[in-house]
Protein backbone atom coordinates (compact mmCIF):
# COMPACT_ATOMS: atom_id res chain seq x y z
CA MET A 1 -2.03 -24.15 -47.92
CA VAL A 2 -2.85 -25.74 -44.51
CA ARG A 3 0.03 -28.09 -45.08
CA SER A 4 2.41 -24.91 -45.25
CA PHE A 5 0.59 -22.94 -42.27
CA THR A 6 1.09 -26.20 -40.11
CA SER A 7 4.97 -26.26 -41.32
CA LEU A 8 5.28 -23.22 -40.69
CA ALA A 9 3.52 -23.15 -37.24
CA LEU A 10 5.30 -26.33 -36.00
CA PHE A 11 9.05 -24.58 -37.40
CA ALA A 12 7.86 -21.10 -35.24
CA LEU A 13 7.13 -23.06 -31.92
CA ALA A 14 10.39 -25.10 -31.97
CA ILE A 15 12.58 -21.99 -32.19
CA VAL A 16 10.73 -20.69 -29.07
CA PHE A 17 10.93 -23.63 -26.86
CA THR A 18 14.78 -24.02 -28.07
CA HIS A 19 15.46 -20.48 -27.93
CA PRO A 20 18.01 -19.87 -25.06
CA ALA A 21 16.14 -17.65 -23.08
CA ALA A 22 13.49 -19.83 -23.00
CA ALA A 23 15.70 -22.92 -21.96
CA GLU A 24 16.54 -20.62 -18.76
CA ARG A 25 13.55 -19.39 -17.21
CA LEU A 26 12.97 -22.12 -14.51
CA LYS A 27 9.41 -22.17 -12.82
CA LEU A 28 10.05 -22.84 -9.05
CA SER A 29 7.61 -25.15 -7.07
CA GLY A 30 6.67 -24.22 -3.02
CA SER A 31 9.93 -25.73 -1.40
CA GLU A 32 12.28 -24.07 -4.09
CA ILE A 33 10.22 -20.73 -3.46
CA LYS A 34 10.75 -20.85 0.24
CA GLN A 35 14.19 -21.55 0.13
CA LEU A 36 14.84 -18.87 -2.67
CA LEU A 37 13.07 -15.84 -0.79
CA SER A 38 13.55 -16.82 2.67
CA ASP A 39 15.57 -14.05 4.81
CA LYS A 40 15.93 -11.92 1.15
CA THR A 41 15.20 -8.83 0.24
CA ALA A 42 14.27 -8.51 -3.62
CA TYR A 43 14.55 -5.10 -5.82
CA GLY A 44 12.47 -4.55 -8.73
CA TYR A 45 9.83 -2.07 -10.27
CA ARG A 46 5.92 -2.31 -10.40
CA GLY A 47 5.46 -0.16 -13.01
CA ASP A 48 7.15 3.07 -12.84
CA THR A 49 7.62 2.51 -8.94
CA ALA A 50 10.79 1.38 -7.36
CA TYR A 51 10.18 -1.16 -4.59
CA SER A 52 12.05 -3.37 -1.66
CA VAL A 53 10.45 -5.93 0.01
CA TYR A 54 11.95 -8.29 2.49
CA PHE A 55 10.89 -11.94 3.36
CA ALA A 56 11.25 -12.93 6.57
CA PRO A 57 11.96 -16.83 7.47
CA ASP A 58 8.90 -16.76 9.50
CA GLY A 59 6.27 -15.54 6.64
CA THR A 60 6.61 -11.71 7.51
CA MET A 61 7.18 -9.74 4.67
CA VAL A 62 7.67 -5.60 4.52
CA GLU A 63 7.64 -3.77 1.56
CA GLN A 64 9.00 -0.08 0.70
CA GLU A 65 8.43 1.60 -2.05
CA LYS A 66 11.05 4.62 -3.58
CA ASP A 67 8.80 7.31 -1.97
CA GLY A 68 8.98 5.72 1.90
CA LYS A 69 5.83 4.24 1.83
CA ARG A 70 5.88 0.79 3.36
CA ARG A 71 3.40 -2.18 4.15
CA ILE A 72 3.67 -5.07 6.21
CA GLY A 73 2.16 -8.42 5.09
CA HIS A 74 2.52 -12.26 5.15
CA TRP A 75 3.99 -14.70 2.68
CA VAL A 76 3.49 -18.44 1.99
CA ALA A 77 4.98 -20.69 -0.62
CA LYS A 78 2.34 -23.11 -1.94
CA GLN A 79 2.56 -26.14 -4.40
CA THR A 80 3.65 -23.99 -7.21
CA GLU A 81 2.98 -20.32 -5.78
CA HIS A 82 4.01 -17.29 -4.14
CA CYS A 83 1.10 -16.14 -2.12
CA VAL A 84 0.77 -12.52 -0.45
CA THR A 85 -1.78 -11.57 2.06
CA TRP A 86 -1.00 -7.32 2.69
CA GLN A 87 -2.62 -6.46 6.07
CA ASP A 88 -4.19 -3.20 4.54
CA ASP A 89 -6.73 -4.76 2.28
CA GLY A 90 -6.46 -8.47 3.54
CA ALA A 91 -7.07 -10.52 0.36
CA GLU A 92 -4.77 -13.31 -0.98
CA SER A 93 -2.48 -12.77 -4.18
CA CYS A 94 -0.67 -15.84 -5.64
CA MET A 95 1.34 -16.00 -8.70
CA ALA A 96 4.27 -18.18 -9.98
CA LEU A 97 7.66 -17.87 -9.40
CA TYR A 98 10.28 -18.31 -12.01
CA ARG A 99 14.48 -17.73 -11.48
CA ASP A 100 15.95 -16.37 -14.56
CA ARG A 101 19.85 -15.67 -15.21
CA GLY A 102 20.00 -13.94 -11.83
CA GLN A 103 16.55 -12.82 -12.02
CA ILE A 104 13.41 -13.50 -10.34
CA ILE A 105 9.98 -13.53 -12.22
CA TRP A 106 6.22 -13.20 -10.49
CA VAL A 107 3.97 -14.16 -13.30
CA ASP A 108 0.21 -13.49 -12.48
CA PRO A 109 -1.86 -16.68 -14.08
CA THR A 110 -4.65 -14.76 -14.70
CA THR A 111 -3.40 -11.83 -16.92
CA GLY A 112 0.13 -12.99 -17.52
CA ALA A 113 1.71 -9.87 -15.92
CA MET A 114 5.26 -10.38 -15.36
CA ASN A 115 7.36 -8.46 -12.56
CA LEU A 116 11.01 -9.00 -12.66
CA ALA A 117 13.24 -8.71 -9.21
CA LYS A 118 16.60 -9.31 -7.77
CA LEU A 119 17.43 -10.55 -4.40
CA LYS A 120 19.76 -9.59 -1.88
CA SER A 121 20.54 -11.77 1.39
CA GLY A 122 19.54 -10.47 4.39
CA LYS A 123 16.85 -7.48 5.58
CA ASN A 124 18.19 -4.43 3.21
CA LEU A 125 15.05 -2.04 2.55
CA SER A 126 16.14 0.85 0.84
CA THR A 127 14.03 3.90 -0.07
CA ASP A 128 17.16 5.03 -2.67
CA LEU A 129 16.32 2.16 -5.10
CA THR A 130 18.00 3.29 -7.98
CA GLN A 131 21.23 1.35 -8.07
CA SER A 132 18.99 -1.54 -6.02
CA ALA A 133 16.47 -2.15 -8.47
CA ASP A 134 18.73 -2.33 -11.50
CA LEU A 135 17.27 -4.79 -13.45
CA SER A 136 19.59 -4.38 -16.93
CA GLN A 137 22.02 -6.75 -16.06
């Protein structure tokens, strides 16, 4: 019985780690994060709220939500994390960043919560994010 369970568990792990989707997800290093985000605008959803956020090369960032709300903050790429500090609360928040088939994925190391986004070059903040934040492709 134990032997059957062990074999089944190993088989399941093999499927998970050889699945094409798992193979395409790449965790980024700090230098890769900096290169990927610098002078780009990310479009995505946080819960049901569409947003865009611009990452300036000097570490400044500006976020705009669909309702027009704007926040200013600072971003930095650390060894294996993307860290942000918003002016309104001053608390630093760090997440792992992955690239997967044209999307980027922020993953909270504590909760495992994921936030998907797409990137475009330059500063392209928009209050109409319905097309920009289409992550279905």
